[in-house]
Amino acid sequence: MNLRHLKYFVATAETGQVSRAAAVMSISQSSVTSAIRELEAIVGTDLFIRSAHGMDLTDAGREFLTSCQEILQKVEDATHITHRSASVSGSISLAASYTVLGYFLPYHLDRLAHLHPDLEIKLYELNRESIEEGLLANRFDMAVMLTSNLIHPDLKAETLLRSARRLWVPNGHPFSHQHKVPFRDIAKEDYIMLTIDEAAHTTMKYWALTDYEPNVKLRTSSVEAVRSMIANGRGITILSDMVYRPWSLEGKRITTVQCDMEPPTMDAGLAWKQGKDFSPALQALYSYFQQVFVTPQNNLVAPTRS
């Protein structure tokens, strides 16, 4: 057993699908599948229940997942010790949009705290308009936000992650058995519209490229409300992999399917004012994200549970 086995296992357990784990780790699906089979042979038991909808943990798998996460965290902590001599100090004002703060940033804030314990990050959660205004007025040094929504030309952006959008349906829905679902069929179903971070505006933009429109039955700013409504068979939606989880709060299964026309990705990344001078503290934050997303295969998998 080696760390590769554990990383691939955790990625699959957290994402619920081999294909998603492979995408997170930037490797082939066959590599993930082989590693999991090897690991199950080593521990002498099945860790997953395979189905057409994905990979569900067995009882043994759930227990093993906790141990794996602890092991990988210890390795992470040990790695950080070698970097602390190069730690920087200082303060950064960092703005973040709702989706990024909820589903992307916390893991990286924890890693930065381990790498640079003397680095103070003052965090502000705001909508896109307020973030852009704050960056231009120098109230914020940098923002972590949905760069696909960025508008102002005097701001520079660097995308770190492109998250695919897919159709979310309850377990057992007829669409779950299709390879790709046409928009004409999606339009016949009740649609749950997420509104946070301009999601509704983005949704209508790509629907406008089709000859159809969604049959919206509910608009909500809560991702968990969307998840619960779908899991309980009250509608379907199209959202990004970043906010996807295979289970609702009630423990009901949600699965994803591709659409016949691929919606644009939801892009997350960094933004700052054009021409801004980077302090050593700001450079440390920028360099961290560069390192993590330029060579993601060398880093541990970020937790994906809410």
Protein backbone atom coordinates (compact mmCIF):
# COMPACT_ATOMS: atom_id res chain seq x y z
CA MET A 1 0.00 0.00 0.00
CA ASN A 2 1.29 3.46 -0.86
CA LEU A 3 0.12 7.07 -0.85
CA ARG A 4 -1.02 6.81 -4.46
CA HIS A 5 -3.55 4.14 -3.45
CA LEU A 6 -4.84 6.31 -0.62
CA LYS A 7 -5.09 9.50 -2.69
CA TYR A 8 -7.03 7.80 -5.48
CA PHE A 9 -9.31 6.07 -2.99
CA VAL A 10 -10.11 9.32 -1.15
CA ALA A 11 -10.72 11.18 -4.41
CA THR A 12 -13.19 8.49 -5.55
CA ALA A 13 -14.93 8.36 -2.19
CA GLU A 14 -15.30 12.13 -2.04
CA THR A 15 -16.53 12.61 -5.60
CA GLY A 16 -18.62 9.45 -5.92
CA GLN A 17 -17.36 8.60 -9.40
CA VAL A 18 -14.13 7.28 -10.92
CA SER A 19 -14.38 9.80 -13.76
CA ARG A 20 -14.61 12.74 -11.34
CA ALA A 21 -11.72 11.43 -9.26
CA ALA A 22 -9.60 11.11 -12.40
CA ALA A 23 -10.45 14.69 -13.38
CA VAL A 24 -9.53 16.00 -9.92
CA MET A 25 -6.22 14.14 -9.94
CA SER A 26 -5.44 14.91 -13.60
CA ILE A 27 -4.91 11.23 -14.41
CA SER A 28 -6.65 8.55 -16.46
CA GLN A 29 -9.74 6.70 -15.24
CA SER A 30 -7.94 3.39 -15.70
CA SER A 31 -5.25 4.48 -13.23
CA VAL A 32 -7.89 5.19 -10.58
CA THR A 33 -9.71 1.91 -11.26
CA SER A 34 -6.49 -0.11 -11.05
CA ALA A 35 -5.39 1.57 -7.83
CA ILE A 36 -8.73 0.88 -6.14
CA ARG A 37 -8.68 -2.78 -7.20
CA GLU A 38 -5.13 -3.11 -5.87
CA LEU A 39 -6.13 -1.46 -2.61
CA GLU A 40 -9.15 -3.75 -2.14
CA ALA A 41 -6.88 -6.74 -2.73
CA ILE A 42 -4.41 -5.44 -0.13
CA VAL A 43 -7.02 -4.81 2.58
CA GLY A 44 -8.95 -7.97 1.69
CA THR A 45 -12.43 -6.47 1.35
CA ASP A 46 -14.63 -4.46 -0.99
CA LEU A 47 -14.43 -0.73 -0.32
CA PHE A 48 -17.05 0.32 -2.87
CA ILE A 49 -20.39 -0.82 -4.23
CA ARG A 50 -20.25 -0.28 -8.00
CA SER A 51 -23.40 0.84 -9.80
CA ALA A 52 -24.41 2.65 -12.97
CA HIS A 53 -24.72 5.81 -10.91
CA GLY A 54 -21.24 5.77 -9.38
CA MET A 55 -19.22 4.42 -6.48
CA ASP A 56 -20.86 4.07 -3.07
CA LEU A 57 -18.75 3.25 -0.02
CA THR A 58 -19.34 0.00 1.83
CA ASP A 59 -19.33 0.05 5.64
CA ALA A 60 -15.69 -1.03 5.54
CA GLY A 61 -15.00 1.67 2.97
CA ARG A 62 -16.44 4.39 5.20
CA GLU A 63 -14.28 3.29 8.12
CA PHE A 64 -11.23 3.05 5.90
CA LEU A 65 -11.90 6.54 4.48
CA THR A 66 -11.54 8.13 7.91
CA SER A 67 -8.16 6.46 8.41
CA CYS A 68 -6.97 7.47 4.94
CA GLN A 69 -7.91 11.10 5.48
CA GLU A 70 -5.98 11.12 8.77
CA ILE A 71 -2.91 9.57 7.13
CA LEU A 72 -2.90 12.02 4.23
CA GLN A 73 -3.35 14.96 6.61
CA LYS A 74 -0.34 13.79 8.65
CA VAL A 75 1.72 13.58 5.45
CA GLU A 76 0.52 17.06 4.52
CA ASP A 77 1.48 18.44 7.94
CA ALA A 78 4.91 16.83 7.75
CA THR A 79 5.49 18.33 4.32
CA HIS A 80 4.61 21.79 5.61
CA ILE A 81 7.28 21.60 8.30
CA THR A 82 9.98 21.78 5.62
CA HIS A 83 8.51 25.01 4.25
CA ARG A 84 8.06 26.99 7.44
CA SER A 85 11.56 28.44 7.37
CA ALA A 86 10.53 30.29 4.20
CA SER A 87 7.27 31.53 5.71
CA VAL A 88 6.31 35.15 5.20
CA SER A 89 4.40 37.55 7.42
CA GLY A 90 2.01 40.37 6.66
CA SER A 91 -1.68 41.05 6.12
CA ILE A 92 -3.87 40.54 3.03
CA SER A 93 -7.41 41.75 2.43
CA LEU A 94 -9.02 38.95 0.42
CA ALA A 95 -12.53 39.14 -1.04
CA ALA A 96 -14.45 36.01 -2.03
CA SER A 97 -17.74 35.34 -3.76
CA TYR A 98 -20.36 33.11 -2.14
CA THR A 99 -19.87 29.95 -4.19
CA VAL A 100 -16.08 30.11 -4.03
CA LEU A 101 -16.08 30.64 -0.27
CA GLY A 102 -18.50 27.81 0.32
CA TYR A 103 -17.08 25.14 -1.99
CA PHE A 104 -13.51 26.00 -2.94
CA LEU A 105 -11.58 28.32 -0.63
CA PRO A 106 -11.69 26.89 2.95
CA TYR A 107 -9.39 23.96 2.19
CA HIS A 108 -6.79 26.28 0.69
CA LEU A 109 -7.04 28.76 3.56
CA ASP A 110 -6.18 25.90 5.92
CA ARG A 111 -3.16 24.91 3.82
CA LEU A 112 -1.97 28.52 3.69
CA ALA A 113 -2.27 28.77 7.47
CA HIS A 114 0.02 25.75 7.82
CA LEU A 115 2.50 27.01 5.25
CA HIS A 116 2.57 30.62 6.47
CA PRO A 117 1.39 30.80 10.09
CA ASP A 118 2.38 34.49 10.32
CA LEU A 119 0.31 35.45 7.28
CA GLU A 120 -2.93 37.19 8.24
CA ILE A 121 -5.75 36.87 5.71
CA LYS A 122 -8.71 39.18 6.29
CA LEU A 123 -11.60 37.58 4.46
CA TYR A 124 -14.69 39.32 3.06
CA GLU A 125 -17.68 37.57 1.45
CA LEU A 126 -19.35 39.75 -1.19
CA ASN A 127 -21.16 39.64 -4.52
CA ARG A 128 -19.34 40.25 -7.79
CA GLU A 129 -20.24 43.94 -8.10
CA SER A 130 -18.98 44.71 -4.58
CA ILE A 131 -15.80 42.72 -5.15
CA GLU A 132 -15.00 44.56 -8.39
CA GLU A 133 -15.68 47.92 -6.75
CA GLY A 134 -13.51 47.02 -3.75
CA LEU A 135 -10.59 45.88 -5.89
CA LEU A 136 -10.68 49.06 -7.96
CA ALA A 137 -10.82 51.20 -4.80
CA ASN A 138 -7.90 49.24 -3.24
CA ARG A 139 -10.05 48.07 -0.31
CA PHE A 140 -9.10 44.51 -1.23
CA ASP A 141 -5.69 43.27 -2.33
CA MET A 142 -7.05 40.31 -4.28
CA ALA A 143 -10.20 38.28 -4.77
CA VAL A 144 -10.95 34.61 -5.21
CA MET A 145 -14.11 34.55 -7.29
CA LEU A 146 -15.90 33.23 -10.35
CA THR A 147 -13.66 34.66 -13.05
CA SER A 148 -16.24 33.62 -15.68
CA ASN A 149 -18.47 36.38 -14.24
CA LEU A 150 -15.81 39.11 -14.13
CA ILE A 151 -16.73 42.22 -16.12
CA HIS A 152 -14.57 45.30 -15.39
CA PRO A 153 -11.71 45.78 -17.92
CA ASP A 154 -9.38 47.35 -15.32
CA LEU A 155 -9.21 44.08 -13.39
CA LYS A 156 -6.83 41.25 -14.20
CA ALA A 157 -7.95 37.68 -13.67
CA GLU A 158 -6.30 34.28 -13.67
CA THR A 159 -8.51 31.21 -13.82
CA LEU A 160 -7.42 28.31 -11.61
CA LEU A 161 -10.21 25.81 -12.08
CA ARG A 162 -12.81 25.18 -14.79
CA SER A 163 -15.76 23.26 -13.40
CA ALA A 164 -18.02 21.49 -15.91
CA ARG A 165 -21.78 21.95 -15.71
CA ARG A 166 -23.98 18.85 -15.85
CA LEU A 167 -27.61 17.91 -15.43
CA TRP A 168 -28.56 16.91 -11.86
CA VAL A 169 -31.37 14.34 -11.47
CA PRO A 170 -32.69 12.18 -8.62
CA ASN A 171 -31.55 8.59 -8.39
CA GLY A 172 -33.61 6.39 -10.72
CA HIS A 173 -34.80 9.22 -12.95
CA PRO A 174 -35.18 8.11 -16.61
CA PHE A 175 -32.50 10.64 -17.62
CA SER A 176 -29.95 8.87 -15.40
CA HIS A 177 -29.82 5.99 -17.89
CA GLN A 178 -29.08 8.22 -20.90
CA HIS A 179 -25.61 9.05 -22.20
CA LYS A 180 -26.59 12.63 -23.07
CA VAL A 181 -29.90 14.38 -22.43
CA PRO A 182 -31.27 16.82 -25.07
CA PHE A 183 -32.28 20.29 -23.93
CA ARG A 184 -35.70 19.73 -25.51
CA ASP A 185 -36.32 16.95 -22.96
CA ILE A 186 -34.89 18.94 -20.05
CA ALA A 187 -37.32 21.77 -20.89
CA LYS A 188 -40.28 19.42 -20.26
CA GLU A 189 -39.25 18.79 -16.66
CA ASP A 190 -39.72 21.01 -13.59
CA TYR A 191 -36.54 23.06 -13.19
CA ILE A 192 -34.98 24.28 -9.92
CA MET A 193 -33.14 27.56 -10.58
CA LEU A 194 -30.20 28.53 -8.37
CA THR A 195 -29.80 32.31 -8.11
CA ILE A 196 -26.64 32.79 -6.04
CA ASP A 197 -23.55 34.32 -7.72
CA GLU A 198 -25.52 35.28 -10.84
CA ALA A 199 -26.25 31.61 -11.53
CA ALA A 200 -29.70 32.35 -12.94
CA HIS A 201 -28.28 34.95 -15.36
CA THR A 202 -25.61 32.51 -16.56
CA THR A 203 -28.20 29.75 -16.92
CA MET A 204 -30.48 31.83 -19.13
CA LYS A 205 -27.50 32.86 -21.31
CA TYR A 206 -26.72 29.31 -22.38
CA TRP A 207 -30.38 28.30 -22.58
CA ALA A 208 -30.79 31.19 -25.03
CA LEU A 209 -28.47 29.31 -27.39
CA THR A 210 -31.11 26.59 -27.68
CA ASP A 211 -34.67 26.70 -28.99
CA TYR A 212 -36.04 26.00 -25.51
CA GLU A 213 -36.30 27.51 -22.03
CA PRO A 214 -36.36 25.93 -18.58
CA ASN A 215 -39.70 25.25 -16.90
CA VAL A 216 -38.73 27.01 -13.65
CA LYS A 217 -40.74 25.88 -10.62
CA LEU A 218 -38.52 27.32 -7.89
CA ARG A 219 -35.85 30.01 -7.61
CA THR A 220 -33.57 29.77 -4.59
CA SER A 221 -30.20 31.09 -3.40
CA SER A 222 -29.55 27.88 -1.42
CA VAL A 223 -27.54 25.10 -3.02
CA GLU A 224 -28.72 22.74 -0.27
CA ALA A 225 -32.35 23.56 -1.12
CA VAL A 226 -31.65 22.73 -4.77
CA ARG A 227 -30.00 19.48 -3.72
CA SER A 228 -32.90 18.44 -1.47
CA MET A 229 -35.58 19.35 -4.00
CA ILE A 230 -33.89 17.29 -6.70
CA ALA A 231 -33.14 14.32 -4.45
CA ASN A 232 -36.81 14.22 -3.43
CA GLY A 233 -37.99 14.20 -7.05
CA ARG A 234 -39.26 17.78 -7.15
CA GLY A 235 -37.30 18.86 -10.21
CA ILE A 236 -33.95 18.84 -12.00
CA THR A 237 -31.25 21.44 -12.67
CA ILE A 238 -27.95 22.12 -14.41
CA LEU A 239 -25.10 23.10 -12.08
CA SER A 240 -21.33 22.80 -11.89
CA ASP A 241 -19.27 19.92 -10.54
CA MET A 242 -17.77 22.29 -7.95
CA VAL A 243 -21.00 22.36 -5.95
CA TYR A 244 -22.10 18.79 -6.73
CA ARG A 245 -22.41 16.25 -3.93
CA PRO A 246 -23.91 12.79 -4.52
CA TRP A 247 -26.16 12.98 -1.44
CA SER A 248 -28.82 15.36 -0.14
CA LEU A 249 -29.08 16.27 3.55
CA GLU A 250 -31.72 13.54 3.87
CA GLY A 251 -29.26 10.97 2.53
CA LYS A 252 -30.96 10.57 -0.84
CA ARG A 253 -28.88 10.02 -3.96
CA ILE A 254 -28.36 12.59 -6.73
CA THR A 255 -26.67 11.68 -9.99
CA THR A 256 -25.43 13.73 -12.92
CA VAL A 257 -25.73 13.31 -16.69
CA GLN A 258 -24.24 15.18 -19.63
CA CYS A 259 -26.40 17.47 -21.77
CA ASP A 260 -26.45 17.19 -25.56
CA MET A 261 -25.07 20.75 -25.75
CA GLU A 262 -22.26 21.26 -23.27
CA PRO A 263 -22.92 24.36 -21.11
CA PRO A 264 -19.99 26.72 -20.45
CA THR A 265 -17.77 25.86 -17.50
CA MET A 266 -17.95 27.73 -14.20
CA ASP A 267 -14.47 29.20 -13.79
CA ALA A 268 -12.94 30.06 -10.43
CA GLY A 269 -9.70 31.94 -9.91
CA LEU A 270 -7.92 35.08 -8.76
CA ALA A 271 -8.62 38.71 -9.61
CA TRP A 272 -6.78 41.93 -8.80
CA LYS A 273 -6.44 45.51 -10.00
CA GLN A 274 -4.34 46.03 -13.12
CA GLY A 275 -0.88 47.32 -12.24
CA LYS A 276 -1.10 46.41 -8.56
CA ASP A 277 2.21 45.99 -6.74
CA PHE A 278 2.39 42.62 -4.97
CA SER A 279 3.68 42.75 -1.40
CA PRO A 280 5.66 39.70 -0.17
CA ALA A 281 2.50 38.49 1.58
CA LEU A 282 0.38 38.85 -1.54
CA GLN A 283 3.06 37.20 -3.65
CA ALA A 284 3.08 34.25 -1.24
CA LEU A 285 -0.67 33.79 -1.64
CA TYR A 286 -0.46 34.10 -5.42
CA SER A 287 2.48 31.67 -5.60
CA TYR A 288 0.60 29.13 -3.50
CA PHE A 289 -2.33 28.99 -5.93
CA GLN A 290 0.06 28.89 -8.89
CA GLN A 291 1.86 25.90 -7.43
CA VAL A 292 -1.28 24.01 -6.48
CA PHE A 293 -3.06 24.38 -9.82
CA VAL A 294 -0.08 24.22 -12.17
CA THR A 295 0.95 20.85 -10.72
CA PRO A 296 -2.22 19.45 -9.11
CA GLN A 297 -0.98 15.87 -9.29
CA ASN A 298 1.60 16.70 -6.62
CA ASN A 299 -1.00 17.86 -4.11
CA LEU A 300 -3.52 16.15 -1.91
CA VAL A 301 -7.16 16.11 -2.90
CA ALA A 302 -9.31 18.87 -1.40
CA PRO A 303 -12.28 17.57 0.61
CA THR A 304 -15.52 17.82 -1.35
CA ARG A 305 -18.12 17.32 1.34
CA SER A 306 -20.09 20.27 2.64
